[in-house]
């Protein structure tokens, strides 16, 4: 998975998800997808790193989308 593919995937997930809260299982799924990006591209966009930090800190109200990519 590339950085661009991750951005498209997470935007789709956030758009289609009826439940806006993320539990630990969903956060693990998101992190696993980010790890796929690291495996393929060996780096994450800074905005993705910021996104992952926000979900770690449970600051979900700060997360709208990653459409700025």
N, C-alpha and C. Protein backbone atom coordinates (compact mmCIF):
# COMPACT_ATOMS: atom_id res chain seq x y z
N UNK A 1 0.85 -1.17 0.00
CA UNK A 1 0.00 0.00 0.00
C UNK A 1 0.90 1.24 0.00
N UNK A 2 0.56 2.21 -0.83
CA UNK A 2 1.31 3.46 -0.90
C UNK A 2 0.68 4.50 0.02
N UNK A 3 1.38 5.61 0.21
CA UNK A 3 0.83 6.70 1.01
C UNK A 3 -0.49 7.20 0.41
N UNK A 4 -0.51 7.32 -0.91
CA UNK A 4 -1.73 7.79 -1.59
C UNK A 4 -2.89 6.81 -1.39
N UNK A 5 -2.59 5.53 -1.48
CA UNK A 5 -3.62 4.51 -1.27
C UNK A 5 -4.14 4.52 0.17
N UNK A 6 -3.23 4.72 1.13
CA UNK A 6 -3.66 4.81 2.52
C UNK A 6 -4.60 6.00 2.71
N UNK A 7 -4.24 7.13 2.13
CA UNK A 7 -5.09 8.33 2.26
C UNK A 7 -6.48 8.08 1.68
N UNK A 8 -6.53 7.45 0.53
CA UNK A 8 -7.83 7.14 -0.07
C UNK A 8 -8.60 6.15 0.80
N UNK A 9 -7.92 5.16 1.32
CA UNK A 9 -8.57 4.16 2.17
C UNK A 9 -9.13 4.78 3.44
N UNK A 10 -8.33 5.60 4.14
CA UNK A 10 -8.79 6.16 5.41
C UNK A 10 -9.88 7.20 5.17
N UNK A 11 -9.80 7.96 4.09
CA UNK A 11 -10.88 8.90 3.77
C UNK A 11 -12.18 8.15 3.53
N UNK A 12 -12.11 7.06 2.80
CA UNK A 12 -13.30 6.25 2.56
C UNK A 12 -13.85 5.67 3.85
N UNK A 13 -12.97 5.19 4.69
CA UNK A 13 -13.39 4.63 5.97
C UNK A 13 -14.10 5.68 6.82
N UNK A 14 -13.49 6.87 6.94
CA UNK A 14 -14.09 7.92 7.77
C UNK A 14 -15.39 8.43 7.17
N UNK A 15 -15.49 8.44 5.86
CA UNK A 15 -16.70 8.90 5.19
C UNK A 15 -17.85 7.91 5.36
N UNK A 16 -17.55 6.63 5.21
CA UNK A 16 -18.59 5.62 5.22
C UNK A 16 -18.94 5.08 6.60
N UNK A 17 -18.07 5.30 7.57
CA UNK A 17 -18.30 4.76 8.91
C UNK A 17 -19.47 5.48 9.57
N UNK A 18 -20.47 4.71 9.98
CA UNK A 18 -21.61 5.29 10.68
C UNK A 18 -21.22 5.65 12.11
N UNK A 19 -20.36 4.86 12.70
CA UNK A 19 -19.91 5.12 14.07
C UNK A 19 -18.62 5.92 13.99
N UNK A 20 -18.65 7.13 14.52
CA UNK A 20 -17.50 8.01 14.41
C UNK A 20 -16.41 7.72 15.44
N UNK A 21 -16.74 7.02 16.51
CA UNK A 21 -15.74 6.70 17.52
C UNK A 21 -14.87 5.54 17.05
N UNK A 22 -13.61 5.62 17.38
CA UNK A 22 -12.68 4.55 17.05
C UNK A 22 -12.33 3.80 18.33
N UNK A 23 -12.55 2.51 18.32
CA UNK A 23 -12.13 1.70 19.46
C UNK A 23 -10.72 1.16 19.19
N UNK A 24 -10.17 0.44 20.16
CA UNK A 24 -8.79 -0.03 20.01
C UNK A 24 -8.63 -1.00 18.84
N UNK A 25 -9.64 -1.79 18.55
CA UNK A 25 -9.56 -2.71 17.42
C UNK A 25 -9.47 -1.94 16.09
N UNK A 26 -10.28 -0.91 15.94
CA UNK A 26 -10.24 -0.12 14.70
C UNK A 26 -8.93 0.64 14.58
N UNK A 27 -8.41 1.14 15.70
CA UNK A 27 -7.13 1.83 15.68
C UNK A 27 -6.02 0.86 15.26
N UNK A 28 -6.07 -0.37 15.75
CA UNK A 28 -5.09 -1.38 15.33
C UNK A 28 -5.16 -1.65 13.84
N UNK A 29 -6.36 -1.70 13.29
CA UNK A 29 -6.54 -1.93 11.85
C UNK A 29 -5.91 -0.78 11.06
N UNK A 30 -6.16 0.44 11.51
CA UNK A 30 -5.59 1.62 10.83
C UNK A 30 -4.07 1.56 10.89
N UNK A 31 -3.52 1.23 12.05
CA UNK A 31 -2.07 1.16 12.20
C UNK A 31 -1.49 0.04 11.33
N UNK A 32 -2.19 -1.08 11.21
CA UNK A 32 -1.72 -2.16 10.34
C UNK A 32 -1.64 -1.70 8.89
N UNK A 33 -2.62 -0.91 8.46
CA UNK A 33 -2.58 -0.38 7.10
C UNK A 33 -1.40 0.59 6.94
N UNK A 34 -1.15 1.40 7.96
CA UNK A 34 0.00 2.31 7.90
C UNK A 34 1.30 1.51 7.83
N UNK A 35 1.36 0.38 8.53
CA UNK A 35 2.55 -0.47 8.46
C UNK A 35 2.76 -1.05 7.07
N UNK A 36 1.66 -1.29 6.35
CA UNK A 36 1.79 -1.73 4.95
C UNK A 36 2.47 -0.66 4.11
N UNK A 37 2.13 0.60 4.38
CA UNK A 37 2.77 1.71 3.66
C UNK A 37 4.27 1.71 3.97
N UNK A 38 4.61 1.55 5.24
CA UNK A 38 6.02 1.52 5.61
C UNK A 38 6.75 0.37 4.94
N UNK A 39 6.10 -0.76 4.81
CA UNK A 39 6.72 -1.92 4.17
C UNK A 39 6.98 -1.67 2.68
N UNK A 40 6.08 -0.92 2.05
CA UNK A 40 6.20 -0.68 0.61
C UNK A 40 7.07 0.54 0.31
N UNK A 41 6.83 1.64 1.03
CA UNK A 41 7.49 2.90 0.69
C UNK A 41 8.57 3.32 1.69
N UNK A 42 8.65 2.65 2.81
CA UNK A 42 9.66 2.94 3.83
C UNK A 42 9.54 4.33 4.44
N UNK A 43 8.38 4.98 4.26
CA UNK A 43 8.15 6.29 4.87
C UNK A 43 6.66 6.58 4.85
N UNK A 44 6.25 7.44 5.77
CA UNK A 44 4.87 7.91 5.81
C UNK A 44 4.86 9.42 5.59
N UNK A 45 3.82 9.89 4.90
CA UNK A 45 3.65 11.33 4.78
C UNK A 45 3.54 11.94 6.18
N UNK A 46 4.05 13.14 6.37
CA UNK A 46 3.93 13.80 7.69
C UNK A 46 2.49 13.91 8.17
N UNK A 47 1.54 14.12 7.26
CA UNK A 47 0.13 14.22 7.67
C UNK A 47 -0.40 12.88 8.18
N UNK A 48 0.11 11.79 7.66
CA UNK A 48 -0.30 10.47 8.14
C UNK A 48 0.27 10.23 9.54
N UNK A 49 1.52 10.63 9.74
CA UNK A 49 2.13 10.51 11.07
C UNK A 49 1.32 11.32 12.07
N UNK A 50 0.94 12.54 11.71
CA UNK A 50 0.12 13.38 12.58
C UNK A 50 -1.22 12.73 12.88
N UNK A 51 -1.85 12.16 11.86
CA UNK A 51 -3.12 11.45 12.02
C UNK A 51 -2.97 10.30 13.01
N UNK A 52 -1.92 9.51 12.87
CA UNK A 52 -1.70 8.37 13.77
C UNK A 52 -1.46 8.84 15.20
N UNK A 53 -0.75 9.95 15.36
CA UNK A 53 -0.54 10.50 16.70
C UNK A 53 -1.86 10.94 17.32
N UNK A 54 -2.72 11.54 16.53
CA UNK A 54 -4.02 12.00 17.04
C UNK A 54 -4.89 10.83 17.49
N UNK A 55 -4.89 9.75 16.71
CA UNK A 55 -5.73 8.63 17.15
C UNK A 55 -5.12 7.96 18.37
N UNK A 56 -3.79 7.99 18.50
CA UNK A 56 -3.15 7.45 19.70
C UNK A 56 -3.54 8.27 20.94
N UNK A 57 -3.67 9.57 20.74
CA UNK A 57 -3.99 10.46 21.85
C UNK A 57 -5.49 10.62 22.05
N UNK A 58 -6.27 9.88 21.25
CA UNK A 58 -7.74 9.92 21.34
C UNK A 58 -8.29 11.32 21.08
N UNK A 59 -7.57 12.09 20.27
CA UNK A 59 -8.04 13.43 19.90
C UNK A 59 -8.82 13.32 18.59
N UNK A 60 -9.85 12.51 18.60
CA UNK A 60 -10.60 12.21 17.37
C UNK A 60 -11.35 13.42 16.86
N UNK A 61 -11.67 14.36 17.73
CA UNK A 61 -12.38 15.55 17.26
C UNK A 61 -11.52 16.37 16.32
N UNK A 62 -10.17 16.18 16.37
CA UNK A 62 -9.27 16.88 15.48
C UNK A 62 -9.22 16.27 14.09
N UNK A 63 -9.79 15.06 13.96
CA UNK A 63 -9.67 14.33 12.70
C UNK A 63 -10.95 14.52 11.88
N UNK A 64 -10.80 15.10 10.72
CA UNK A 64 -11.92 15.24 9.82
C UNK A 64 -11.71 14.33 8.62
N UNK A 65 -10.58 14.51 7.95
CA UNK A 65 -10.22 13.64 6.83
C UNK A 65 -8.77 13.92 6.47
N UNK A 66 -8.28 13.18 5.54
CA UNK A 66 -6.94 13.40 5.02
C UNK A 66 -7.03 13.92 3.59
N UNK A 67 -8.07 14.67 3.31
CA UNK A 67 -8.30 15.11 1.93
C UNK A 67 -7.31 16.17 1.48
N UNK A 68 -6.44 16.62 2.37
CA UNK A 68 -5.46 17.64 1.96
C UNK A 68 -4.33 17.08 1.12
N UNK A 69 -4.29 15.76 0.94
CA UNK A 69 -3.22 15.16 0.15
C UNK A 69 -3.46 15.35 -1.32
